Protein backbone atom coordinates (compact mmCIF):
# COMPACT_ATOMS: atom_id res chain seq x y z
CA MET A 1 92.06 91.56 132.72
CA ILE A 2 94.50 94.29 131.55
CA ARG A 3 97.15 91.66 130.83
CA ARG A 4 94.75 89.57 128.77
CA VAL A 5 93.91 92.58 126.63
CA LEU A 6 97.41 94.01 126.28
CA ALA A 7 99.29 90.74 125.71
CA PRO A 8 97.65 89.96 122.30
CA PHE A 9 98.24 93.59 121.29
CA ALA A 10 101.93 93.35 122.15
CA THR A 11 102.18 90.06 120.28
CA GLY A 12 100.51 91.53 117.23
CA LEU A 13 102.71 94.62 117.31
CA LEU A 14 105.86 92.46 117.54
CA PHE A 15 104.59 90.34 114.62
CA LEU A 16 103.94 93.42 112.47
CA ALA A 17 107.14 95.21 113.61
CA PRO A 18 109.20 94.30 110.41
CA VAL A 19 106.40 95.85 108.28
CA LEU A 20 106.27 98.97 110.47
CA VAL A 21 110.05 99.40 110.52
CA THR A 22 110.18 98.99 106.72
CA ILE A 23 107.58 101.73 106.36
CA ILE A 24 109.45 103.97 108.84
CA ILE A 25 112.75 103.52 106.95
CA LEU A 26 111.08 104.25 103.60
CA ASN A 27 109.39 107.28 105.14
CA TRP A 28 112.74 108.54 106.36
CA LEU A 29 114.36 107.98 102.94
CA SER A 30 111.57 109.92 101.26
CA GLY A 31 111.50 112.67 103.93
CA TYR A 32 112.48 115.46 101.59
CA LEU A 33 109.82 114.54 99.07
CA ILE A 34 107.15 114.24 101.76
CA ALA A 35 108.13 117.62 103.18
CA ALA A 36 107.70 119.16 99.75
CA LEU A 37 104.23 117.68 99.29
CA GLY A 38 102.84 118.72 102.69
CA PRO A 39 103.03 118.27 106.44
CA ASP A 40 100.92 115.06 106.60
CA THR A 41 102.60 111.68 106.31
CA PRO A 42 101.21 109.01 103.93
CA LEU A 43 100.38 106.71 106.83
CA GLY A 44 98.57 109.49 108.65
CA GLY A 45 96.61 110.30 105.51
CA LEU A 46 95.51 106.66 105.14
CA LEU A 47 94.35 106.62 108.76
CA GLY A 48 92.42 109.83 108.25
CA GLN A 49 90.75 108.45 105.12
CA ALA A 50 89.74 105.30 106.92
CA GLY A 51 88.24 107.30 109.75
CA MET A 52 86.15 109.32 107.31
CA PHE A 53 83.75 106.36 107.22
CA PHE A 54 82.69 107.34 110.72
CA THR A 55 83.01 111.13 110.90
CA PRO A 56 83.54 114.05 108.52
CA SER A 57 85.83 115.86 110.97
CA PRO A 58 89.49 115.45 109.79
CA LEU A 59 90.85 115.35 113.38
CA ALA A 60 88.21 112.94 114.62
CA ALA A 61 88.70 110.86 111.52
CA PHE A 62 92.41 110.53 112.20
CA TRP A 63 91.79 109.28 115.74
CA ALA A 64 89.03 106.93 114.51
CA GLY A 65 91.50 105.53 111.92
CA LEU A 66 94.13 105.16 114.63
CA GLY A 67 91.66 103.24 116.76
CA MET A 68 90.82 100.94 113.81
CA ALA A 69 94.54 100.29 113.34
CA ALA A 70 94.93 99.41 117.03
CA VAL A 71 92.00 96.98 116.84
CA LEU A 72 93.52 95.41 113.74
CA VAL A 73 96.88 94.92 115.49
CA TRP A 74 95.11 93.33 118.50
CA VAL A 75 93.19 90.91 116.25
CA VAL A 76 96.45 89.97 114.44
CA GLY A 77 97.99 89.33 117.85
CA LEU A 78 95.23 86.91 118.79
CA ALA A 79 95.66 85.08 115.47
CA VAL A 80 99.50 84.92 115.90
CA GLN A 81 99.09 83.30 119.33
CA THR A 82 97.31 80.31 117.70
CA ARG A 83 98.78 77.36 115.77
CA PHE A 84 98.35 79.34 112.53
CA ARG A 85 101.43 81.51 113.26
CA PRO A 86 103.70 79.74 110.70
CA GLN A 87 101.09 80.16 107.96
CA LEU A 88 100.57 83.84 108.80
CA GLU A 89 104.30 84.54 108.88
CA GLY A 90 104.79 82.68 105.56
CA GLY A 91 101.89 84.52 103.87
CA LEU A 92 103.06 87.95 105.09
CA ASP A 93 106.70 87.32 104.17
CA GLY A 94 105.73 85.96 100.72
CA LEU A 95 103.49 88.95 99.99
CA ILE A 96 105.94 91.69 100.92
CA SER A 97 109.00 89.89 99.47
CA ARG A 98 107.38 89.96 96.02
CA ILE A 99 107.22 93.79 96.07
CA PRO A 100 110.23 95.11 94.10
CA GLY A 101 112.68 96.99 96.36
CA LEU A 102 110.98 95.99 99.64
CA GLY A 103 112.01 92.35 99.88
CA ALA A 104 115.74 93.04 100.47
CA LEU A 105 114.87 95.55 103.23
CA TYR A 106 112.06 93.58 104.87
CA ARG A 107 113.60 90.06 105.12
CA PRO A 108 116.52 90.82 107.43
CA LEU A 109 114.29 93.04 109.66
CA ALA A 110 111.68 90.21 109.88
CA GLN A 111 114.36 87.66 110.80
CA PHE A 112 115.82 89.89 113.55
CA VAL A 113 112.53 90.82 115.13
CA ARG A 114 111.25 87.22 115.18
CA MET A 115 114.48 86.01 116.78
CA MET A 116 113.51 88.28 119.68
CA GLY A 117 109.92 86.95 119.77
CA PRO A 118 108.35 83.99 121.61
CA SER A 119 109.57 81.51 118.96
CA ALA A 120 113.15 82.70 119.21
CA GLY A 121 115.78 80.19 118.12
CA GLY A 122 119.30 79.90 116.79
CA GLU A 123 121.83 82.39 118.12
CA MET A 124 119.20 84.53 119.93
CA SER A 125 118.09 81.57 122.04
CA GLY A 126 121.54 81.54 123.65
CA MET A 127 121.13 85.11 124.94
CA SER A 128 119.91 85.99 128.40
CA VAL A 129 118.35 89.09 129.91
CA VAL A 130 120.59 91.03 132.27
CA SER A 131 120.49 94.29 134.21
CA VAL A 132 123.42 96.63 133.43
CA SER A 133 124.57 99.34 135.77
CA LEU A 134 125.38 102.49 133.77
CA GLY A 135 126.14 104.63 136.75
CA ASP A 136 125.45 105.04 140.45
CA HIS A 137 121.73 105.51 139.96
CA VAL A 138 120.96 104.22 136.44
CA GLU A 139 120.33 100.63 135.25
CA ALA A 140 119.17 99.24 131.91
CA LEU A 141 117.73 95.97 130.76
CA ALA A 142 119.82 94.35 128.07
CA LEU A 143 120.70 91.08 126.38
CA LEU A 144 123.91 89.25 127.24
CA THR A 145 125.12 87.98 123.91
CA SER A 146 127.13 85.09 125.49
CA PRO A 147 128.73 84.19 128.81
CA LYS A 148 132.16 84.73 127.19
CA LEU A 149 134.33 87.36 128.80
CA HIS A 150 136.47 89.74 126.70
CA ASP A 151 139.61 91.44 127.96
CA PHE A 152 141.24 94.28 126.03
CA GLY A 153 143.69 95.13 128.78
CA GLN A 154 141.38 96.92 131.20
CA GLY A 155 139.70 93.95 132.87
CA PRO A 156 137.04 91.39 131.85
CA ARG A 157 134.08 92.74 129.89
CA TYR A 158 130.78 91.24 128.78
CA LEU A 159 129.37 92.06 125.35
CA ILE A 160 125.72 93.18 125.77
CA LEU A 161 123.01 94.47 123.44
CA ILE A 162 120.76 97.30 124.62
CA PRO A 163 117.62 97.39 122.36
CA THR A 164 115.70 100.55 121.54
CA ALA A 165 112.02 101.20 122.21
CA PRO A 166 109.38 100.83 120.92
CA VAL A 167 110.80 98.75 118.02
CA PRO A 168 113.67 96.64 119.39
CA VAL A 169 115.37 95.95 116.08
CA GLY A 170 118.22 98.33 116.78
CA GLY A 171 120.29 99.53 119.68
CA GLY A 172 123.80 99.50 120.95
CA MET A 173 126.34 96.79 121.54
CA LEU A 174 128.58 97.62 124.48
CA PHE A 175 131.49 95.97 126.28
CA VAL A 176 130.62 96.39 129.98
CA GLU A 177 132.70 95.62 133.08
CA ALA A 178 131.66 92.18 134.35
CA SER A 179 130.79 93.46 137.85
CA ARG A 180 128.17 95.79 136.35
CA VAL A 181 126.20 92.97 134.67
CA LYS A 182 123.63 91.01 136.69
CA PRO A 183 121.20 88.33 135.50
CA VAL A 184 117.47 88.94 135.68
CA PRO A 185 115.82 85.72 136.87
CA GLY A 186 112.46 84.84 135.37
CA MET A 187 112.64 87.11 132.34
CA GLY A 188 113.11 85.69 128.89
CA VAL A 189 114.11 87.28 125.59
CA ASP A 190 110.43 87.41 124.48
CA ASP A 191 109.51 89.15 127.77
CA LEU A 192 112.18 91.79 127.18
CA ALA A 193 111.04 92.35 123.56
CA LYS A 194 107.40 92.87 124.67
CA LEU A 195 108.57 95.22 127.40
CA TYR A 196 110.35 97.37 124.85
CA VAL A 197 107.59 97.15 122.22
CA THR A 198 104.95 98.37 124.75
CA MET A 199 107.39 100.98 126.15
CA GLY A 200 106.96 99.61 129.65
CA THR A 201 103.17 99.20 129.53
CA LEU A 202 103.61 95.51 130.27
CA THR A 203 105.76 94.94 133.33
CA ALA A 204 108.12 92.07 133.76
CA GLY A 205 105.44 90.05 135.60
CA GLU A 206 102.78 90.76 132.95
CA THR A 207 104.70 89.78 129.85
CA GLY A 208 104.53 86.05 130.49
CA GLN A 209 101.86 84.16 128.53
């Protein structure tokens, strides 16, 4: 039951990730201006205004607006899981790409995020999920970019990509000793993306559709 509820939410969040990352980047770029205008962020203000339809309390209104946003993301996730996904992606991309200044920022983010999603293709489809030992007691899930080994004079190394949570559009690319890299059977690129997006809420066994 929990998986049936959380899986559409994770799918919706992954679908909307390019929009969210675009907003986050713009918010960061305008950080000094926002700090001068007040402590509340524009997005938080919008959520609070939406919640005012249910309660006059500013704090309760913010949480009500946050709940409305979560429901919206969940509904979008259900829609994306249907055969209308291409039309939804095309409509969203077309709408945001026509906004001056946003298109150039949004398009590469959208392409990268969707390559990590269930419909991954191209170069991303050749990647595989691996476990990387970063020490005696620390391991991390990562993407093996290719089975090719690299040697810079200190032994064979794999090139891996460790995404960041909760929006796996960034991260670090590392050359790791081959003996420290192990495949993770049964986990695909889309499973790893959902795991990072939900910050571990969905386990490896729950991410499958």
